C-alpha atoms as a PDB file:
ATOM      1  CA  MET A   1     -41.825  -6.353 -64.619  1.00  0.00           C
ATOM      2  CA  ALA A   2     -42.019  -9.862 -63.138  1.00  0.00           C
ATOM      3  CA  GLU A   3     -38.240 -10.098 -63.184  1.00  0.00           C
ATOM      4  CA  ASN A   4     -37.972  -6.836 -61.237  1.00  0.00           C
ATOM      5  CA  LEU A   5     -40.438  -8.118 -58.617  1.00  0.00           C
ATOM      6  CA  GLU A   6     -38.421 -11.308 -58.218  1.00  0.00           C
ATOM      7  CA  LYS A   7     -35.241  -9.241 -57.707  1.00  0.00           C
ATOM      8  CA  ILE A   8     -36.950  -7.054 -55.118  1.00  0.00           C
ATOM      9  CA  GLU A   9     -38.241 -10.118 -53.224  1.00  0.00           C
ATOM     10  CA  ALA A  10     -34.755 -11.679 -53.299  1.00  0.00           C
ATOM     11  CA  LEU A  11     -33.248  -8.471 -51.925  1.00  0.00           C
ATOM     12  CA  GLU A  12     -35.846  -8.354 -49.171  1.00  0.00           C
ATOM     13  CA  ASP A  13     -35.015 -11.978 -48.231  1.00  0.00           C
ATOM     14  CA  VAL A  14     -31.308 -11.114 -48.053  1.00  0.00           C
ATOM     15  CA  LYS A  15     -32.020  -8.046 -45.920  1.00  0.00           C
ATOM     16  CA  SER A  16     -34.255 -10.083 -43.634  1.00  0.00           C
ATOM     17  CA  SER A  17     -31.615 -12.789 -43.167  1.00  0.00           C
ATOM     18  CA  ARG A  18     -28.936 -10.165 -42.504  1.00  0.00           C
ATOM     19  CA  PHE A  19     -31.190  -8.477 -39.959  1.00  0.00           C
ATOM     20  CA  LEU A  20     -31.681 -11.799 -38.141  1.00  0.00           C
ATOM     21  CA  ILE A  21     -27.929 -12.384 -38.113  1.00  0.00           C
ATOM     22  CA  TYR A  22     -27.356  -8.914 -36.629  1.00  0.00           C
ATOM     23  CA  ILE A  23     -29.980  -9.598 -33.964  1.00  0.00           C
ATOM     24  CA  LYS A  24     -28.308 -12.906 -33.027  1.00  0.00           C
ATOM     25  CA  LEU A  25     -24.856 -11.283 -32.838  1.00  0.00           C
ATOM     26  CA  PHE A  26     -26.227  -8.484 -30.671  1.00  0.00           C
ATOM     27  CA  LEU A  27     -27.826 -10.983 -28.268  1.00  0.00           C
ATOM     28  CA  ILE A  28     -24.552 -12.946 -28.039  1.00  0.00           C
ATOM     29  CA  TYR A  29     -22.661  -9.701 -27.300  1.00  0.00           C
ATOM     30  CA  ILE A  30     -25.123  -8.758 -24.542  1.00  0.00           C
ATOM     31  CA  HIS A  31     -24.839 -12.236 -23.040  1.00  0.00           C
ATOM     32  CA  ILE A  32     -21.037 -12.031 -22.932  1.00  0.00           C
ATOM     33  CA  ILE A  33     -20.924  -8.541 -21.426  1.00  0.00           C
ATOM     34  CA  LEU A  34     -23.641  -8.967 -18.806  1.00  0.00           C
ATOM     35  CA  MET A  35     -22.812 -12.526 -17.760  1.00  0.00           C
ATOM     36  CA  PRO A  36     -19.005 -12.856 -17.622  1.00  0.00           C
ATOM     37  CA  LYS A  37     -17.542 -16.059 -16.253  1.00  0.00           C
ATOM     38  CA  LEU A  38     -14.110 -16.729 -14.820  1.00  0.00           C
ATOM     39  CA  SER A  39     -13.232 -19.746 -16.864  1.00  0.00           C
ATOM     40  CA  ILE A  40     -10.643 -21.751 -14.920  1.00  0.00           C
ATOM     41  CA  ASN A  41     -12.134 -24.183 -12.432  1.00  0.00           C
ATOM     42  CA  THR A  42      -9.280 -25.016 -10.097  1.00  0.00           C
ATOM     43  CA  ILE A  43     -11.045 -24.277  -6.794  1.00  0.00           C
ATOM     44  CA  ASP A  44     -14.192 -25.704  -5.251  1.00  0.00           C
ATOM     45  CA  TYR A  45     -15.606 -23.527  -2.444  1.00  0.00           C
ATOM     46  CA  ASP A  46     -18.467 -25.813  -1.399  1.00  0.00           C
ATOM     47  CA  GLU A  47     -16.652 -27.251   1.623  1.00  0.00           C
ATOM     48  CA  GLY A  48     -18.026 -26.322   5.055  1.00  0.00           C
ATOM     49  CA  SER A  49     -21.192 -24.576   3.847  1.00  0.00           C
ATOM     50  CA  THR A  50     -24.074 -23.983   6.232  1.00  0.00           C
ATOM     51  CA  ASP A  51     -27.761 -23.951   5.295  1.00  0.00           C
ATOM     52  CA  THR A  52     -27.757 -20.225   4.572  1.00  0.00           C
ATOM     53  CA  GLU A  53     -24.542 -20.537   2.579  1.00  0.00           C
ATOM     54  CA  SER A  54     -25.293 -23.577   0.412  1.00  0.00           C
ATOM     55  CA  ASN A  55     -26.835 -21.632  -2.479  1.00  0.00           C
ATOM     56  CA  ALA A  56     -24.028 -19.102  -2.736  1.00  0.00           C
ATOM     57  CA  SER A  57     -22.096 -19.081  -5.993  1.00  0.00           C
ATOM     58  CA  THR A  58     -18.386 -18.350  -6.205  1.00  0.00           C
ATOM     59  CA  PRO A  59     -16.242 -17.568  -9.261  1.00  0.00           C
ATOM     60  CA  THR A  60     -13.590 -20.170 -10.014  1.00  0.00           C
ATOM     61  CA  ILE A  61     -10.104 -18.970 -10.811  1.00  0.00           C
ATOM     62  CA  THR A  62      -6.484 -20.063 -10.946  1.00  0.00           C
ATOM     63  CA  ILE A  63      -4.701 -18.545  -7.980  1.00  0.00           C
ATOM     64  CA  PRO A  64      -1.077 -18.740  -6.764  1.00  0.00           C
ATOM     65  CA  GLU A  65      -0.017 -21.832  -4.844  1.00  0.00           C
ATOM     66  CA  HIS A  66       0.374 -20.087  -1.474  1.00  0.00           C
ATOM     67  CA  LEU A  67      -3.245 -18.818  -1.611  1.00  0.00           C
ATOM     68  CA  ARG A  68      -4.957 -22.119  -2.467  1.00  0.00           C
ATOM     69  CA  SER A  69      -5.315 -23.270   1.137  1.00  0.00           C
ATOM     70  CA  LEU A  70      -7.692 -20.350   1.769  1.00  0.00           C
ATOM     71  CA  SER A  71     -10.447 -22.014  -0.287  1.00  0.00           C
ATOM     72  CA  SER A  72     -11.234 -24.695   2.293  1.00  0.00           C
ATOM     73  CA  THR A  73     -11.924 -22.142   5.039  1.00  0.00           C
ATOM     74  CA  MET A  74     -14.143 -19.754   3.079  1.00  0.00           C
ATOM     75  CA  THR A  75     -17.628 -18.977   4.362  1.00  0.00           C
ATOM     76  CA  ASN A  76     -19.883 -17.966   1.465  1.00  0.00           C
ATOM     77  CA  TYR A  77     -23.339 -16.435   1.878  1.00  0.00           C
ATOM     78  CA  ALA A  78     -26.261 -16.507  -0.521  1.00  0.00           C
ATOM     79  CA  ASN A  79     -27.594 -13.102   0.606  1.00  0.00           C
ATOM     80  CA  MET A  80     -26.101 -10.018   2.211  1.00  0.00           C
ATOM     81  CA  SER A  81     -28.440 -10.307   5.196  1.00  0.00           C
ATOM     82  CA  ASP A  82     -27.232 -13.839   5.988  1.00  0.00           C
ATOM     83  CA  GLY A  83     -23.895 -12.522   7.216  1.00  0.00           C
ATOM     84  CA  ASP A  84     -25.246 -10.249   9.984  1.00  0.00           C
ATOM     85  CA  PHE A  85     -22.514  -7.689   9.312  1.00  0.00           C
ATOM     86  CA  GLY A  86     -24.171  -4.790  11.117  1.00  0.00           C
ATOM     87  CA  GLY A  87     -24.433  -1.315   9.638  1.00  0.00           C
ATOM     88  CA  PRO A  88     -22.157   0.378   7.097  1.00  0.00           C
ATOM     89  CA  PHE A  89     -20.248   3.402   8.386  1.00  0.00           C
ATOM     90  CA  LEU A  90     -17.793   4.304   5.616  1.00  0.00           C
ATOM     91  CA  ASN A  91     -17.668   4.054   1.822  1.00  0.00           C
ATOM     92  CA  LYS A  92     -14.620   4.725  -0.302  1.00  0.00           C
ATOM     93  CA  THR A  93     -13.062   3.669  -3.581  1.00  0.00           C
ATOM     94  CA  LYS A  94      -9.712   1.908  -3.394  1.00  0.00           C
ATOM     95  CA  ARG A  95      -7.556   2.457  -6.500  1.00  0.00           C
ATOM     96  CA  GLN A  96      -4.305   0.684  -5.711  1.00  0.00           C
ATOM     97  CA  PHE A  97      -5.349  -2.954  -6.039  1.00  0.00           C
ATOM     98  CA  THR A  98      -4.276  -3.633  -9.591  1.00  0.00           C
ATOM     99  CA  GLN A  99      -3.489  -1.803 -12.782  1.00  0.00           C
ATOM    100  CA  LYS A 100      -3.861  -2.520 -16.472  1.00  0.00           C
ATOM    101  CA  THR A 101      -0.683  -3.747 -18.134  1.00  0.00           C
ATOM    102  CA  GLU A 102      -0.582  -0.781 -20.468  1.00  0.00           C
ATOM    103  CA  LYS A 103      -1.115   1.497 -17.420  1.00  0.00           C
ATOM    104  CA  ALA A 104      -3.938   3.306 -19.150  1.00  0.00           C
ATOM    105  CA  PHE A 105      -5.931   3.522 -15.901  1.00  0.00           C
ATOM    106  CA  SER A 106      -6.068   2.115 -12.409  1.00  0.00           C
ATOM    107  CA  LEU A 107      -8.763  -0.403 -11.556  1.00  0.00           C
ATOM    108  CA  GLY A 108     -11.035   0.748  -8.751  1.00  0.00           C
ATOM    109  CA  VAL A 109     -12.344  -1.492  -5.993  1.00  0.00           C
ATOM    110  CA  LYS A 110     -15.187  -0.065  -3.948  1.00  0.00           C
ATOM    111  CA  LEU A 111     -14.807  -0.668  -0.216  1.00  0.00           C
ATOM    112  CA  ILE A 112     -17.631  -0.584   2.334  1.00  0.00           C
ATOM    113  CA  TYR A 113     -16.864  -0.947   6.047  1.00  0.00           C
ATOM    114  CA  PHE A 114     -19.369  -2.491   8.461  1.00  0.00           C
ATOM    115  CA  LYS A 115     -19.526  -2.620  12.259  1.00  0.00           C
ATOM    116  CA  SER A 116     -21.715  -4.843  14.374  1.00  0.00           C
ATOM    117  CA  GLN A 117     -21.986  -3.725  18.001  1.00  0.00           C
ATOM    118  CA  ASN A 118     -23.823  -6.899  19.009  1.00  0.00           C
ATOM    119  CA  GLN A 119     -21.221  -9.188  17.425  1.00  0.00           C
ATOM    120  CA  GLU A 120     -18.312  -6.801  18.126  1.00  0.00           C
ATOM    121  CA  THR A 121     -17.064  -7.309  14.576  1.00  0.00           C
ATOM    122  CA  PHE A 122     -15.546  -5.155  11.869  1.00  0.00           C
ATOM    123  CA  THR A 123     -16.023  -6.114   8.202  1.00  0.00           C
ATOM    124  CA  LYS A 124     -14.333  -4.934   5.029  1.00  0.00           C
ATOM    125  CA  MET A 125     -16.502  -5.538   1.991  1.00  0.00           C
ATOM    126  CA  PHE A 126     -14.916  -5.444  -1.473  1.00  0.00           C
ATOM    127  CA  ILE A 127     -17.175  -4.703  -4.440  1.00  0.00           C
ATOM    128  CA  TYR A 128     -15.634  -5.058  -7.890  1.00  0.00           C
ATOM    129  CA  SER A 129     -16.856  -5.408 -11.462  1.00  0.00           C
ATOM    130  CA  LYS A 130     -17.453  -8.714 -13.250  1.00  0.00           C
ATOM    131  CA  ASP A 131     -16.370  -7.109 -16.517  1.00  0.00           C
ATOM    132  CA  PRO A 132     -13.351  -9.158 -17.713  1.00  0.00           C
ATOM    133  CA  GLN A 133     -11.750  -5.984 -19.080  1.00  0.00           C
ATOM    134  CA  LEU A 134     -11.432  -4.758 -15.488  1.00  0.00           C
ATOM    135  CA  GLU A 135      -9.435  -7.834 -14.446  1.00  0.00           C
ATOM    136  CA  PRO A 136     -11.689  -9.315 -11.733  1.00  0.00           C
ATOM    137  CA  ASP A 137      -9.367 -12.335 -11.436  1.00  0.00           C
ATOM    138  CA  ASN A 138      -6.401 -10.131 -10.506  1.00  0.00           C
ATOM    139  CA  VAL A 139      -8.532  -8.175  -8.051  1.00  0.00           C
ATOM    140  CA  LEU A 140      -9.589 -11.414  -6.354  1.00  0.00           C
ATOM    141  CA  ILE A 141      -5.980 -12.589  -6.094  1.00  0.00           C
ATOM    142  CA  LYS A 142      -5.083  -9.281  -4.424  1.00  0.00           C
ATOM    143  CA  ILE A 143      -7.956  -9.629  -1.925  1.00  0.00           C
ATOM    144  CA  LEU A 144      -6.991 -13.219  -1.117  1.00  0.00           C
ATOM    145  CA  SER A 145      -3.428 -12.035  -0.631  1.00  0.00           C
ATOM    146  CA  GLU A 146      -4.657  -9.622   2.040  1.00  0.00           C
ATOM    147  CA  VAL A 147      -6.334 -12.524   3.852  1.00  0.00           C
ATOM    148  CA  TYR A 148      -3.181 -14.632   3.540  1.00  0.00           C
ATOM    149  CA  TYR A 149      -0.890 -12.001   5.039  1.00  0.00           C
ATOM    150  CA  HIS A 150      -3.387 -11.191   7.781  1.00  0.00           C
ATOM    151  CA  ILE A 151      -2.988 -14.819   8.861  1.00  0.00           C
ATOM    152  CA  GLU A 152       0.810 -14.763   8.439  1.00  0.00           C
ATOM    153  CA  PHE A 153       1.211 -11.601  10.541  1.00  0.00           C
ATOM    154  CA  SER A 154      -1.031 -13.003  13.278  1.00  0.00           C
ATOM    155  CA  LYS A 155       1.387 -15.942  13.694  1.00  0.00           C
ATOM    156  CA  LEU A 156       4.160 -13.540  14.778  1.00  0.00           C
ATOM    157  CA  GLN A 157       2.234 -11.510  17.357  1.00  0.00           C
ATOM    158  CA  ASP A 158       4.006 -13.047  20.348  1.00  0.00           C
ATOM    159  CA  SER A 159       7.424 -13.274  18.690  1.00  0.00           C
ATOM    160  CA  CYS A 160       7.525  -9.615  17.620  1.00  0.00           C
ATOM    161  CA  GLY A 161       5.351  -8.072  20.340  1.00  0.00           C
ATOM    162  CA  PHE A 162       2.324  -6.576  18.588  1.00  0.00           C
ATOM    163  CA  ARG A 163      -1.353  -7.354  17.967  1.00  0.00           C
ATOM    164  CA  VAL A 164      -3.465  -8.087  14.911  1.00  0.00           C
ATOM    165  CA  PRO A 165      -7.299  -8.071  14.952  1.00  0.00           C
ATOM    166  CA  LYS A 166      -8.471 -11.686  15.066  1.00  0.00           C
ATOM    167  CA  LEU A 167      -9.609 -12.883  11.648  1.00  0.00           C
ATOM    168  CA  LEU A 168     -13.082 -14.456  11.953  1.00  0.00           C
ATOM    169  CA  ASN A 169     -14.196 -15.424   8.442  1.00  0.00           C
ATOM    170  CA  TYR A 170     -14.161 -14.365   4.801  1.00  0.00           C
ATOM    171  CA  GLY A 171     -15.771 -15.322   1.493  1.00  0.00           C
ATOM    172  CA  PHE A 172     -18.233 -14.374  -1.235  1.00  0.00           C
ATOM    173  CA  ILE A 173     -21.770 -13.006  -1.057  1.00  0.00           C
ATOM    174  CA  ASP A 174     -23.901 -14.070  -4.001  1.00  0.00           C
ATOM    175  CA  ARG A 175     -26.678 -11.442  -3.876  1.00  0.00           C
ATOM    176  CA  ASN A 176     -27.216  -8.064  -2.312  1.00  0.00           C
ATOM    177  CA  ASN A 177     -30.703  -8.041  -0.776  1.00  0.00           C
ATOM    178  CA  ASP A 178     -30.083  -4.831   1.196  1.00  0.00           C
ATOM    179  CA  THR A 179     -31.744  -1.990  -0.724  1.00  0.00           C
ATOM    180  CA  SER A 180     -29.873   0.650   1.296  1.00  0.00           C
ATOM    181  CA  ILE A 181     -26.552  -0.451  -0.206  1.00  0.00           C
ATOM    182  CA  ASN A 182     -25.834   0.301  -3.849  1.00  0.00           C
ATOM    183  CA  ILE A 183     -24.321  -2.891  -5.267  1.00  0.00           C
ATOM    184  CA  GLY A 184     -25.317  -3.921  -8.784  1.00  0.00           C
ATOM    185  CA  PRO A 185     -25.936  -7.437 -10.134  1.00  0.00           C
ATOM    186  CA  ASN A 186     -22.809  -7.182 -12.299  1.00  0.00           C
ATOM    187  CA  GLU A 187     -20.473  -6.792  -9.326  1.00  0.00           C
ATOM    188  CA  PHE A 188     -18.728  -9.388  -7.167  1.00  0.00           C
ATOM    189  CA  ILE A 189     -18.953  -9.063  -3.378  1.00  0.00           C
ATOM    190  CA  PHE A 190     -16.183 -10.378  -1.138  1.00  0.00           C
ATOM    191  CA  TYR A 191     -15.970  -9.755   2.617  1.00  0.00           C
ATOM    192  CA  ILE A 192     -13.297 -10.053   5.320  1.00  0.00           C
ATOM    193  CA  ARG A 193     -14.646 -10.073   8.872  1.00  0.00           C
ATOM    194  CA  MET A 194     -12.493  -9.618  11.996  1.00  0.00           C
ATOM    195  CA  GLU A 195     -12.867  -8.619  15.621  1.00  0.00           C
ATOM    196  CA  ASP A 196     -13.578  -4.957  16.301  1.00  0.00           C
ATOM    197  CA  VAL A 197     -10.620  -3.861  18.437  1.00  0.00           C
ATOM    198  CA  ASP A 198     -10.899  -1.151  21.087  1.00  0.00           C
ATOM    199  CA  ALA A 199      -8.173   1.104  19.697  1.00  0.00           C
ATOM    200  CA  LEU A 200      -7.429   4.350  17.882  1.00  0.00           C
ATOM    201  CA  PRO A 201      -5.172   4.885  14.862  1.00  0.00           C
ATOM    202  CA  VAL A 202      -2.042   6.956  15.456  1.00  0.00           C
ATOM    203  CA  THR A 203      -3.609   9.574  13.177  1.00  0.00           C
ATOM    204  CA  LYS A 204      -6.060  10.318  16.023  1.00  0.00           C
ATOM    205  CA  LEU A 205      -3.420  10.364  18.756  1.00  0.00           C
ATOM    206  CA  ASN A 206      -4.594  13.847  19.793  1.00  0.00           C
ATOM    207  CA  GLU A 207      -7.720  12.193  21.252  1.00  0.00           C
ATOM    208  CA  LEU A 208      -5.533  10.360  23.787  1.00  0.00           C
ATOM    209  CA  TYR A 209      -2.855  12.966  24.629  1.00  0.00           C
ATOM    210  CA  ASN A 210      -2.646  16.724  25.021  1.00  0.00           C
ATOM    211  CA  ASP A 211      -0.666  18.941  22.665  1.00  0.00           C
ATOM    212  CA  ALA A 212       2.340  19.220  24.971  1.00  0.00           C
ATOM    213  CA  GLU A 213       3.054  15.463  24.937  1.00  0.00           C
ATOM    214  CA  LEU A 214       1.627  14.555  21.542  1.00  0.00           C
ATOM    215  CA  LEU A 215       4.826  14.547  19.494  1.00  0.00           C
ATOM    216  CA  ASP A 216       6.890  12.743  22.140  1.00  0.00           C
ATOM    217  CA  LYS A 217       4.256   9.975  22.347  1.00  0.00           C
ATOM    218  CA  CYS A 218       4.246   9.644  18.571  1.00  0.00           C
ATOM    219  CA  ILE A 219       8.040   9.337  18.516  1.00  0.00           C
ATOM    220  CA  ASP A 220       7.855   6.583  21.161  1.00  0.00           C
ATOM    221  CA  ILE A 221       5.306   4.719  19.013  1.00  0.00           C
ATOM    222  CA  GLU A 222       7.481   5.280  15.946  1.00  0.00           C
ATOM    223  CA  LYS A 223      10.452   3.609  17.654  1.00  0.00           C
ATOM    224  CA  GLU A 224       8.274   0.667  18.707  1.00  0.00           C
ATOM    225  CA  VAL A 225       6.891   0.213  15.178  1.00  0.00           C
ATOM    226  CA  ASP A 226      10.444   0.336  13.836  1.00  0.00           C
ATOM    227  CA  ARG A 227      11.390  -2.446  16.269  1.00  0.00           C
ATOM    228  CA  ILE A 228       8.378  -4.528  15.185  1.00  0.00           C
ATOM    229  CA  ASP A 229       9.174  -3.974  11.502  1.00  0.00           C
ATOM    230  CA  THR A 230      12.785  -5.071  12.062  1.00  0.00           C
ATOM    231  CA  CYS A 231      11.534  -8.209  13.808  1.00  0.00           C
ATOM    232  CA  LEU A 232       9.136  -9.023  10.949  1.00  0.00           C
ATOM    233  CA  GLN A 233      11.942  -8.695   8.414  1.00  0.00           C
ATOM    234  CA  LYS A 234      13.765 -11.563  10.126  1.00  0.00           C
ATOM    235  CA  TYR A 235      10.817 -13.749   9.082  1.00  0.00           C
ATOM    236  CA  ASN A 236      10.823 -12.288   5.554  1.00  0.00           C
ATOM    237  CA  LEU A 237       7.519 -10.452   6.110  1.00  0.00           C
ATOM    238  CA  HIS A 238       6.999  -6.851   4.996  1.00  0.00           C
ATOM    239  CA  HIS A 239       3.883  -4.779   5.628  1.00  0.00           C
ATOM    240  CA  ASN A 240       4.871  -2.121   3.040  1.00  0.00           C
ATOM    241  CA  ASP A 241       2.196   0.321   4.244  1.00  0.00           C
ATOM    242  CA  LEU A 242       2.969   1.188   7.877  1.00  0.00           C
ATOM    243  CA  HIS A 243       1.590   4.716   8.007  1.00  0.00           C
ATOM    244  CA  THR A 244      -0.342   6.248  10.902  1.00  0.00           C
ATOM    245  CA  ASP A 245      -3.738   4.981   9.687  1.00  0.00           C
ATOM    246  CA  ASN A 246      -2.575   1.366   9.729  1.00  0.00           C
ATOM    247  CA  VAL A 247      -0.966   1.475  13.174  1.00  0.00           C
ATOM    248  CA  MET A 248      -3.365   1.576  16.126  1.00  0.00           C
ATOM    249  CA  ILE A 249      -2.920   2.046  19.880  1.00  0.00           C
ATOM    250  CA  GLY A 250      -4.986  -0.217  22.132  1.00  0.00           C
ATOM    251  CA  LYS A 251      -6.494   0.825  25.457  1.00  0.00           C
ATOM    252  CA  ASN A 252      -3.532  -0.778  27.258  1.00  0.00           C
ATOM    253  CA  GLY A 253      -0.985   0.922  25.003  1.00  0.00           C
ATOM    254  CA  GLU A 254      -0.277  -2.104  22.801  1.00  0.00           C
ATOM    255  CA  ILE A 255       0.592  -1.651  19.111  1.00  0.00           C
ATOM    256  CA  ILE A 256      -2.053  -3.038  16.748  1.00  0.00           C
ATOM    257  CA  ILE A 257      -1.254  -3.409  13.035  1.00  0.00           C
ATOM    258  CA  ILE A 258      -4.045  -3.544  10.432  1.00  0.00           C
ATOM    259  CA  ASP A 259      -4.619  -3.580   6.652  1.00  0.00           C
ATOM    260  CA  PHE A 260      -2.392  -6.124   4.915  1.00  0.00           C
ATOM    261  CA  GLY A 261      -3.378  -5.289   1.338  1.00  0.00           C
ATOM    262  CA  GLU A 262       0.161  -4.250   0.381  1.00  0.00           C
ATOM    263  CA  SER A 263       2.013  -6.888   2.421  1.00  0.00           C
ATOM    264  CA  SER A 264       4.368  -9.372   0.782  1.00  0.00           C
ATOM    265  CA  HIS A 265       7.562 -11.362   1.201  1.00  0.00           C
ATOM    266  CA  ASP A 266       9.372  -8.650  -0.780  1.00  0.00           C
ATOM    267  CA  LEU A 267      10.337  -5.270   0.666  1.00  0.00           C
ATOM    268  CA  GLN A 268       8.589  -2.714  -1.523  1.00  0.00           C
ATOM    269  CA  ASN A 269       8.081   0.295   0.751  1.00  0.00           C
ATOM    270  CA  PRO A 270      10.506   0.521   3.708  1.00  0.00           C
ATOM    271  CA  PHE A 271       9.376   2.003   7.006  1.00  0.00           C
ATOM    272  CA  PHE A 272      10.881   5.476   7.126  1.00  0.00           C
ATOM    273  CA  THR A 273      10.782   6.735  10.699  1.00  0.00           C
ATOM    274  CA  VAL A 274      11.400  10.328   9.651  1.00  0.00           C
ATOM    275  CA  ASN A 275       7.985  10.465   7.956  1.00  0.00           C
ATOM    276  CA  PHE A 276       5.864   8.700  10.578  1.00  0.00           C
ATOM    277  CA  CYS A 277       5.178  11.681  12.885  1.00  0.00           C
ATOM    278  CA  ASN A 278       5.123  14.427  10.264  1.00  0.00           C
ATOM    279  CA  LYS A 279       1.433  15.041  10.988  1.00  0.00           C
ATOM    280  CA  PHE A 280       2.279  16.216  14.508  1.00  0.00           C
ATOM    281  CA  THR A 281       5.358  18.367  13.825  1.00  0.00           C
ATOM    282  CA  LYS A 282       3.142  21.442  13.443  1.00  0.00           C
ATOM    283  CA  GLN A 283       1.217  20.684  16.621  1.00  0.00           C
ATOM    284  CA  GLY A 284       2.121  20.639  20.320  1.00  0.00           C
ATOM    285  CA  GLY A 285       5.633  19.591  21.247  1.00  0.00           C
ATOM    286  CA  ALA A 286       6.958  20.315  17.795  1.00  0.00           C
ATOM    287  CA  THR A 287       8.596  23.650  18.719  1.00  0.00           C
ATOM    288  CA  THR A 288      10.912  22.145  21.327  1.00  0.00           C
ATOM    289  CA  ARG A 289      11.955  19.328  19.020  1.00  0.00           C
ATOM    290  CA  LYS A 290      12.489  21.708  16.121  1.00  0.00           C
ATOM    291  CA  ARG A 291      14.668  23.913  18.309  1.00  0.00           C
ATOM    292  CA  ARG A 292      16.749  20.918  19.349  1.00  0.00           C
ATOM    293  CA  VAL A 293      17.098  19.837  15.741  1.00  0.00           C
ATOM    294  CA  SER A 294      17.840  23.406  14.691  1.00  0.00           C
ATOM    295  CA  LYS A 295      20.563  23.729  17.354  1.00  0.00           C
ATOM    296  CA  LYS A 296      22.119  20.440  16.280  1.00  0.00           C
ATOM    297  CA  ARG A 297      22.019  21.470  12.666  1.00  0.00           C
ATOM    298  CA  GLY A 298      23.387  24.929  13.526  1.00  0.00           C
ATOM    299  CA  LEU A 299      26.197  23.432  15.580  1.00  0.00           C
ATOM    300  CA  SER A 300      26.954  20.985  12.831  1.00  0.00           C
ATOM    301  CA  LYS A 301      27.055  23.782  10.274  1.00  0.00           C
ATOM    302  CA  LYS A 302      29.323  25.855  12.500  1.00  0.00           C
ATOM    303  CA  ARG A 303      31.672  22.929  12.984  1.00  0.00           C
ATOM    304  CA  GLY A 304      31.680  22.285   9.289  1.00  0.00           C
ATOM    305  CA  LEU A 305      32.306  25.962   8.564  1.00  0.00           C
ATOM    306  CA  SER A 306      35.043  26.082  11.181  1.00  0.00           C
ATOM    307  CA  LYS A 307      36.704  23.056   9.624  1.00  0.00           C
ATOM    308  CA  LYS A 308      36.493  24.656   6.213  1.00  0.00           C
ATOM    309  CA  ARG A 309      37.924  27.911   7.543  1.00  0.00           C
ATOM    310  CA  GLY A 310      40.718  26.046   9.353  1.00  0.00           C
ATOM    311  CA  LEU A 311      41.530  24.108   6.233  1.00  0.00           C
ATOM    312  CA  SER A 312      41.511  27.270   4.169  1.00  0.00           C
ATOM    313  CA  ARG A 313      43.838  29.027   6.656  1.00  0.00           C
ATOM    314  CA  LYS A 314      46.221  26.057   6.656  1.00  0.00           C
ATOM    315  CA  ARG A 315      46.291  26.103   2.898  1.00  0.00           C
ATOM    316  CA  ARG A 316      47.042  29.838   2.844  1.00  0.00           C
ATOM    317  CA  LEU A 317      49.847  29.419   5.398  1.00  0.00           C
ATOM    318  CA  SER A 318      51.244  26.511   3.468  1.00  0.00           C
ATOM    319  CA  LYS A 319      51.282  28.556   0.301  1.00  0.00           C
ATOM    320  CA  LYS A 320      53.001  31.451   2.079  1.00  0.00           C
ATOM    321  CA  ARG A 321      55.663  29.146   3.473  1.00  0.00           C
ATOM    322  CA  GLU A 322      56.267  27.591   0.085  1.00  0.00           C
ATOM    323  CA  LEU A 323      56.522  31.068  -1.479  1.00  0.00           C
ATOM    324  CA  SER A 324      58.902  32.209   1.271  1.00  0.00           C
ATOM    325  CA  LYS A 325      61.120  29.134   0.780  1.00  0.00           C
ATOM    326  CA  LYS A 326      61.208  29.763  -2.957  1.00  0.00           C
ATOM    327  CA  ARG A 327      62.233  33.381  -2.413  1.00  0.00           C
ATOM    328  CA  GLU A 328      65.009  32.396   0.025  1.00  0.00           C
ATOM    329  CA  LEU A 329      66.233  29.758  -2.398  1.00  0.00           C
ATOM    330  CA  SER A 330      66.168  32.285  -5.186  1.00  0.00           C
ATOM    331  CA  LYS A 331      68.196  34.769  -3.080  1.00  0.00           C
ATOM    332  CA  LYS A 332      70.741  32.086  -2.209  1.00  0.00           C
ATOM    333  CA  ARG A 333      71.124  31.147  -5.859  1.00  0.00           C
ATOM    334  CA  GLU A 334      71.535  34.788  -6.834  1.00  0.00           C
ATOM    335  CA  LEU A 335      74.174  35.312  -4.092  1.00  0.00           C
ATOM    336  CA  TYR A 336      76.020  32.165  -5.166  1.00  0.00           C
ATOM    337  CA  ARG A 337      75.974  33.344  -8.784  1.00  0.00           C
ATOM    338  CA  LYS A 338      77.428  36.751  -7.855  1.00  0.00           C
ATOM    339  CA  ARG A 339      80.222  35.154  -5.806  1.00  0.00           C
ATOM    340  CA  ARG A 340      81.216  32.959  -8.714  1.00  0.00           C
ATOM    341  CA  ILE A 341      81.316  35.959 -11.055  1.00  0.00           C
ATOM    342  CA  SER A 342      83.420  37.900  -8.539  1.00  0.00           C
ATOM    343  CA  ARG A 343      85.937  35.050  -8.201  1.00  0.00           C
ATOM    344  CA  LYS A 344      86.305  34.776 -11.975  1.00  0.00           C
ATOM    345  CA  ARG A 345      87.077  38.475 -12.241  1.00  0.00           C
ATOM    346  CA  LYS A 346      89.796  38.258  -9.587  1.00  0.00           C
ATOM    347  CA  VAL A 347      91.396  35.382 -11.404  1.00  0.00           C
END
């Protein structure tokens, strides 16, 4: 009996120690999941901090060489309210930033847009998960790339004849203290602030022109954007996303280009002029253009058909001539043969 009690006590000790081990492992797992850290410390973002920014924390990460200069000009805020961004006016989830290597799913980046009427500013705020499985380092590199190309495009405004909203500042926000905005503690917040331009995207061109002139105006803008894109290519810059939402028309008619998230030094998505004004082909002005195109196509088809018919007729005539020549030759041969036979008989 005493031996059995000793065995039971020993088993209970083992179970107790195993339970403690499980508890410790569980706590370690929770710590790793809820408090991820980007491990590589190649960038220090403390330069140029103001009083409201000095307590802000920023993840450290290895980034490409051409993006490293952006670190010295970052403006980080400790709290959301410190930035004075104004009010949010649009929320959406952006899916095209980065993708898992195995392409199992796309990684989503939540975007919130802010406008401040007092400051006349427009702010894009990127919210993305700290979970290392969702590649926060790659998301950050993509965001920094957008800042980089915003700056690069702005350098060519005079050379290529277009405008870019002036970039004001960008950086991290450590904490969200605005209860009206749903951002969790396990999400990074990065903002890009620029001037709020007085312009409309080409998508809303119908707010500037009536239906009769809408398509013609769009085609004029399309030609101008094509010229700008050709100019940018000379400097090895490619926007790669020049659709009607990313091209704006200012109050003086100037072309304003926005959103450099897909830009690069490699041509990935050429600017196809035939697709730019598709939105307006079913609206005013489209009928006349379609008729012109239809006539051209019809004339082209007729010419092509006429050529085919002419070629077919020539071929038929050629065949007839060849057949006629063969028949004449055959008759001549037959006549020559008969004459020879007749001469032999006389002899």
